[in-house]
Amino acid sequence: MAVNEAPDPLQARDLEEFITALGELRQWVGSPSYRTLAKRVGPLMRPPQLVAHTTVSNVFQPQRRRLDIDLVTTIVRALGVDEPDVARWRQACVRVHVAA
């Protein structure tokens, strides 16, 4: 990954690498706190809802065996990623789940 380049989710070979890339994306956009991110995620959910910061922070734990794909997609969107790249993150998340 180049210095000013966002991490590429399609490089992830498994769920752990995907979660690492997601953490790198969070850092790349300025490391918003999990509380801040949860406040951004809630209104973007369908339907909009309150999302606990622990729910968001749990997504970034590398020992996870599964992820809620819709939640991951919404987190990526809340991090300010544009829609074509949001679709790439979703595609990568689906792919690593199939591999798991």
N, C-alpha and C. Protein backbone atom coordinates (compact mmCIF):
# COMPACT_ATOMS: atom_id res chain seq x y z
N MET A 1 0.85 -1.19 0.00
CA MET A 1 0.00 0.00 0.00
C MET A 1 0.88 1.24 0.00
N ALA A 2 0.66 2.12 -0.95
CA ALA A 2 1.42 3.37 -1.01
C ALA A 2 1.00 4.27 0.15
N VAL A 3 1.85 5.23 0.49
CA VAL A 3 1.65 6.06 1.67
C VAL A 3 0.29 6.76 1.68
N ASN A 4 -0.10 7.41 0.60
CA ASN A 4 -1.35 8.16 0.58
C ASN A 4 -2.49 7.43 -0.10
N GLU A 5 -2.36 6.13 -0.22
CA GLU A 5 -3.36 5.33 -0.91
C GLU A 5 -4.20 4.56 0.10
N ALA A 6 -5.50 4.54 -0.12
CA ALA A 6 -6.39 3.77 0.76
C ALA A 6 -6.08 2.28 0.62
N PRO A 7 -6.27 1.53 1.71
CA PRO A 7 -6.06 0.08 1.60
C PRO A 7 -7.04 -0.54 0.61
N ASP A 8 -6.58 -1.58 -0.06
CA ASP A 8 -7.40 -2.26 -1.06
C ASP A 8 -8.00 -3.52 -0.43
N PRO A 9 -9.31 -3.55 -0.22
CA PRO A 9 -9.92 -4.71 0.43
C PRO A 9 -9.81 -5.98 -0.40
N LEU A 10 -9.67 -5.83 -1.71
CA LEU A 10 -9.61 -7.01 -2.57
C LEU A 10 -8.28 -7.75 -2.44
N GLN A 11 -7.31 -7.16 -1.75
CA GLN A 11 -6.04 -7.84 -1.48
C GLN A 11 -6.17 -8.85 -0.33
N ALA A 12 -7.22 -8.72 0.47
CA ALA A 12 -7.39 -9.60 1.63
C ALA A 12 -7.68 -11.03 1.17
N ARG A 13 -6.90 -11.96 1.71
CA ARG A 13 -7.07 -13.37 1.34
C ARG A 13 -8.00 -14.11 2.30
N ASP A 14 -8.20 -13.54 3.49
CA ASP A 14 -9.07 -14.19 4.47
C ASP A 14 -9.69 -13.12 5.36
N LEU A 15 -10.54 -13.57 6.28
CA LEU A 15 -11.28 -12.64 7.13
C LEU A 15 -10.35 -11.79 8.00
N GLU A 16 -9.30 -12.41 8.53
CA GLU A 16 -8.37 -11.65 9.37
C GLU A 16 -7.69 -10.53 8.58
N GLU A 17 -7.26 -10.82 7.36
CA GLU A 17 -6.64 -9.78 6.53
C GLU A 17 -7.64 -8.70 6.15
N PHE A 18 -8.90 -9.10 5.94
CA PHE A 18 -9.94 -8.13 5.63
C PHE A 18 -10.13 -7.17 6.81
N ILE A 19 -10.21 -7.73 8.02
CA ILE A 19 -10.40 -6.90 9.22
C ILE A 19 -9.19 -5.98 9.42
N THR A 20 -8.00 -6.48 9.13
CA THR A 20 -6.80 -5.63 9.21
C THR A 20 -6.90 -4.47 8.22
N ALA A 21 -7.34 -4.77 7.00
CA ALA A 21 -7.50 -3.72 5.99
C ALA A 21 -8.55 -2.70 6.43
N LEU A 22 -9.61 -3.17 7.06
CA LEU A 22 -10.65 -2.26 7.56
C LEU A 22 -10.07 -1.32 8.63
N GLY A 23 -9.23 -1.87 9.50
CA GLY A 23 -8.56 -1.03 10.50
C GLY A 23 -7.63 -0.03 9.85
N GLU A 24 -6.95 -0.45 8.79
CA GLU A 24 -6.06 0.47 8.07
C GLU A 24 -6.87 1.59 7.40
N LEU A 25 -8.06 1.24 6.91
CA LEU A 25 -8.93 2.25 6.31
C LEU A 25 -9.33 3.28 7.37
N ARG A 26 -9.68 2.80 8.56
CA ARG A 26 -10.05 3.71 9.66
C ARG A 26 -8.90 4.66 9.96
N GLN A 27 -7.68 4.13 10.02
CA GLN A 27 -6.50 4.98 10.26
C GLN A 27 -6.28 5.95 9.11
N TRP A 28 -6.46 5.47 7.89
CA TRP A 28 -6.22 6.28 6.69
C TRP A 28 -7.11 7.52 6.67
N VAL A 29 -8.34 7.40 7.19
CA VAL A 29 -9.26 8.54 7.19
C VAL A 29 -9.16 9.37 8.46
N GLY A 30 -8.15 9.11 9.29
CA GLY A 30 -7.92 9.96 10.45
C GLY A 30 -8.26 9.35 11.79
N SER A 31 -8.49 8.05 11.83
CA SER A 31 -8.75 7.32 13.07
C SER A 31 -9.89 7.90 13.92
N PRO A 32 -11.09 8.03 13.36
CA PRO A 32 -12.20 8.48 14.20
C PRO A 32 -12.43 7.47 15.33
N SER A 33 -12.85 7.97 16.49
CA SER A 33 -13.11 7.07 17.62
C SER A 33 -14.28 6.16 17.27
N TYR A 34 -14.38 5.05 17.99
CA TYR A 34 -15.49 4.13 17.75
C TYR A 34 -16.82 4.80 18.10
N ARG A 35 -16.83 5.68 19.11
CA ARG A 35 -18.06 6.41 19.45
C ARG A 35 -18.48 7.32 18.30
N THR A 36 -17.52 8.05 17.74
CA THR A 36 -17.81 8.94 16.61
C THR A 36 -18.32 8.13 15.43
N LEU A 37 -17.65 7.03 15.16
CA LEU A 37 -18.04 6.19 14.05
C LEU A 37 -19.45 5.62 14.25
N ALA A 38 -19.76 5.19 15.48
CA ALA A 38 -21.09 4.65 15.78
C ALA A 38 -22.18 5.71 15.54
N LYS A 39 -21.87 6.95 15.89
CA LYS A 39 -22.84 8.04 15.66
C LYS A 39 -23.06 8.28 14.17
N ARG A 40 -22.03 8.05 13.36
CA ARG A 40 -22.16 8.20 11.90
C ARG A 40 -22.89 7.00 11.27
N VAL A 41 -22.64 5.81 11.84
CA VAL A 41 -23.19 4.58 11.27
C VAL A 41 -24.69 4.48 11.47
N GLY A 42 -25.17 4.78 12.67
CA GLY A 42 -26.59 4.61 13.01
C GLY A 42 -27.56 5.19 12.00
N PRO A 43 -27.41 6.48 11.64
CA PRO A 43 -28.34 7.08 10.69
C PRO A 43 -28.24 6.48 9.27
N LEU A 44 -27.11 5.86 8.95
CA LEU A 44 -26.93 5.27 7.62
C LEU A 44 -27.51 3.86 7.50
N MET A 45 -27.83 3.25 8.65
CA MET A 45 -28.40 1.90 8.64
C MET A 45 -29.81 1.96 8.07
N ARG A 46 -30.28 0.85 7.51
CA ARG A 46 -31.65 0.76 7.00
C ARG A 46 -32.40 -0.29 7.79
N PRO A 47 -33.37 0.08 8.65
CA PRO A 47 -33.75 1.46 8.97
C PRO A 47 -32.72 2.11 9.89
N PRO A 48 -32.72 3.45 9.96
CA PRO A 48 -31.79 4.14 10.88
C PRO A 48 -32.00 3.64 12.31
N GLN A 49 -30.91 3.54 13.05
CA GLN A 49 -30.99 3.02 14.42
C GLN A 49 -29.81 3.51 15.24
N LEU A 50 -29.92 3.36 16.54
CA LEU A 50 -28.78 3.65 17.39
C LEU A 50 -27.85 2.45 17.33
N VAL A 51 -26.57 2.72 17.19
CA VAL A 51 -25.57 1.67 17.14
C VAL A 51 -24.57 1.94 18.25
N ALA A 52 -24.35 0.96 19.11
CA ALA A 52 -23.40 1.11 20.22
C ALA A 52 -21.97 1.15 19.69
N HIS A 53 -21.14 1.94 20.36
CA HIS A 53 -19.74 2.00 19.93
C HIS A 53 -19.07 0.64 20.07
N THR A 54 -19.53 -0.18 21.01
CA THR A 54 -18.94 -1.52 21.16
C THR A 54 -19.29 -2.40 19.97
N THR A 55 -20.48 -2.21 19.39
CA THR A 55 -20.86 -2.96 18.20
C THR A 55 -19.90 -2.63 17.06
N VAL A 56 -19.58 -1.34 16.92
CA VAL A 56 -18.65 -0.92 15.87
C VAL A 56 -17.24 -1.43 16.18
N SER A 57 -16.78 -1.26 17.40
CA SER A 57 -15.41 -1.66 17.73
C SER A 57 -15.22 -3.17 17.57
N ASN A 58 -16.26 -3.95 17.83
CA ASN A 58 -16.16 -5.41 17.68
C ASN A 58 -15.86 -5.83 16.25
N VAL A 59 -16.31 -5.04 15.28
CA VAL A 59 -16.05 -5.35 13.87
C VAL A 59 -14.55 -5.35 13.58
N PHE A 60 -13.80 -4.53 14.32
CA PHE A 60 -12.36 -4.37 14.07
C PHE A 60 -11.50 -5.39 14.82
N GLN A 61 -12.12 -6.36 15.51
CA GLN A 61 -11.36 -7.36 16.27
C GLN A 61 -10.92 -8.49 15.33
N PRO A 62 -9.59 -8.70 15.21
CA PRO A 62 -9.09 -9.67 14.21
C PRO A 62 -9.48 -11.12 14.47
N GLN A 63 -9.90 -11.47 15.67
CA GLN A 63 -10.23 -12.87 15.94
C GLN A 63 -11.67 -13.21 15.55
N ARG A 64 -12.38 -12.28 14.93
CA ARG A 64 -13.77 -12.51 14.51
C ARG A 64 -13.84 -13.69 13.54
N ARG A 65 -14.92 -14.43 13.62
CA ARG A 65 -15.14 -15.54 12.68
C ARG A 65 -16.17 -15.17 11.61
N ARG A 66 -17.00 -14.15 11.92
CA ARG A 66 -18.02 -13.69 10.98
C ARG A 66 -18.18 -12.19 11.17
N LEU A 67 -18.63 -11.54 10.13
CA LEU A 67 -18.96 -10.12 10.20
C LEU A 67 -20.36 -9.93 9.62
N ASP A 68 -21.06 -8.94 10.12
CA ASP A 68 -22.34 -8.54 9.54
C ASP A 68 -21.99 -7.69 8.32
N ILE A 69 -22.24 -8.22 7.14
CA ILE A 69 -21.81 -7.57 5.90
C ILE A 69 -22.46 -6.20 5.74
N ASP A 70 -23.74 -6.09 6.12
CA ASP A 70 -24.40 -4.79 6.02
C ASP A 70 -23.78 -3.78 6.98
N LEU A 71 -23.42 -4.21 8.18
CA LEU A 71 -22.77 -3.31 9.14
C LEU A 71 -21.40 -2.88 8.62
N VAL A 72 -20.62 -3.81 8.10
CA VAL A 72 -19.31 -3.47 7.54
C VAL A 72 -19.46 -2.46 6.41
N THR A 73 -20.41 -2.72 5.51
CA THR A 73 -20.65 -1.81 4.39
C THR A 73 -21.00 -0.41 4.90
N THR A 74 -21.84 -0.35 5.93
CA THR A 74 -22.24 0.95 6.48
C THR A 74 -21.07 1.63 7.18
N ILE A 75 -20.23 0.88 7.86
CA ILE A 75 -19.03 1.47 8.48
C ILE A 75 -18.13 2.07 7.40
N VAL A 76 -17.92 1.34 6.33
CA VAL A 76 -17.08 1.84 5.23
C VAL A 76 -17.68 3.12 4.67
N ARG A 77 -18.98 3.13 4.49
CA ARG A 77 -19.67 4.33 3.99
C ARG A 77 -19.50 5.48 5.00
N ALA A 78 -19.63 5.19 6.30
CA ALA A 78 -19.50 6.21 7.34
C ALA A 78 -18.07 6.75 7.43
N LEU A 79 -17.11 5.97 6.95
CA LEU A 79 -15.72 6.45 6.92
C LEU A 79 -15.48 7.39 5.74
N GLY A 80 -16.51 7.61 4.92
CA GLY A 80 -16.40 8.59 3.85
C GLY A 80 -15.96 8.03 2.51
N VAL A 81 -15.99 6.72 2.38
CA VAL A 81 -15.58 6.07 1.13
C VAL A 81 -16.68 6.28 0.09
N ASP A 82 -16.30 6.56 -1.15
CA ASP A 82 -17.31 6.78 -2.19
C ASP A 82 -17.95 5.45 -2.62
N GLU A 83 -19.14 5.54 -3.20
CA GLU A 83 -19.96 4.34 -3.46
C GLU A 83 -19.28 3.26 -4.30
N PRO A 84 -18.54 3.58 -5.37
CA PRO A 84 -17.88 2.48 -6.10
C PRO A 84 -16.90 1.70 -5.20
N ASP A 85 -16.21 2.40 -4.31
CA ASP A 85 -15.28 1.71 -3.40
C ASP A 85 -16.02 1.00 -2.27
N VAL A 86 -17.17 1.54 -1.86
CA VAL A 86 -17.99 0.84 -0.87
C VAL A 86 -18.38 -0.53 -1.45
N ALA A 87 -18.74 -0.55 -2.72
CA ALA A 87 -19.11 -1.82 -3.38
C ALA A 87 -17.92 -2.79 -3.39
N ARG A 88 -16.72 -2.28 -3.57
CA ARG A 88 -15.52 -3.15 -3.56
C ARG A 88 -15.32 -3.74 -2.17
N TRP A 89 -15.51 -2.93 -1.13
CA TRP A 89 -15.38 -3.44 0.25
C TRP A 89 -16.43 -4.52 0.52
N ARG A 90 -17.65 -4.28 0.06
CA ARG A 90 -18.71 -5.27 0.26
C ARG A 90 -18.36 -6.57 -0.47
N GLN A 91 -17.92 -6.45 -1.72
CA GLN A 91 -17.53 -7.62 -2.51
C GLN A 91 -16.42 -8.40 -1.80
N ALA A 92 -15.42 -7.70 -1.29
CA ALA A 92 -14.31 -8.36 -0.60
C ALA A 92 -14.80 -9.05 0.67
N CYS A 93 -15.71 -8.41 1.40
CA CYS A 93 -16.24 -8.99 2.63
C CYS A 93 -16.99 -10.28 2.33
N VAL A 94 -17.81 -10.27 1.29
CA VAL A 94 -18.54 -11.47 0.87
C VAL A 94 -17.54 -12.58 0.50
N ARG A 95 -16.52 -12.21 -0.26
CA ARG A 95 -15.53 -13.21 -0.73
C ARG A 95 -14.79 -13.87 0.42
N VAL A 96 -14.35 -13.09 1.43
CA VAL A 96 -13.61 -13.71 2.53
C VAL A 96 -14.54 -14.54 3.42
N HIS A 97 -15.83 -14.21 3.44
CA HIS A 97 -16.77 -15.05 4.18
C HIS A 97 -16.98 -16.39 3.49
N VAL A 98 -17.05 -16.37 2.17
CA VAL A 98 -17.20 -17.62 1.42
C VAL A 98 -15.97 -18.50 1.65
N ALA A 99 -14.80 -17.87 1.70
CA ALA A 99 -13.55 -18.62 1.92
C ALA A 99 -13.47 -19.17 3.35
N ALA A 100 -14.13 -18.51 4.30
CA ALA A 100 -14.09 -18.95 5.70
C ALA A 100 -15.01 -20.08 5.92
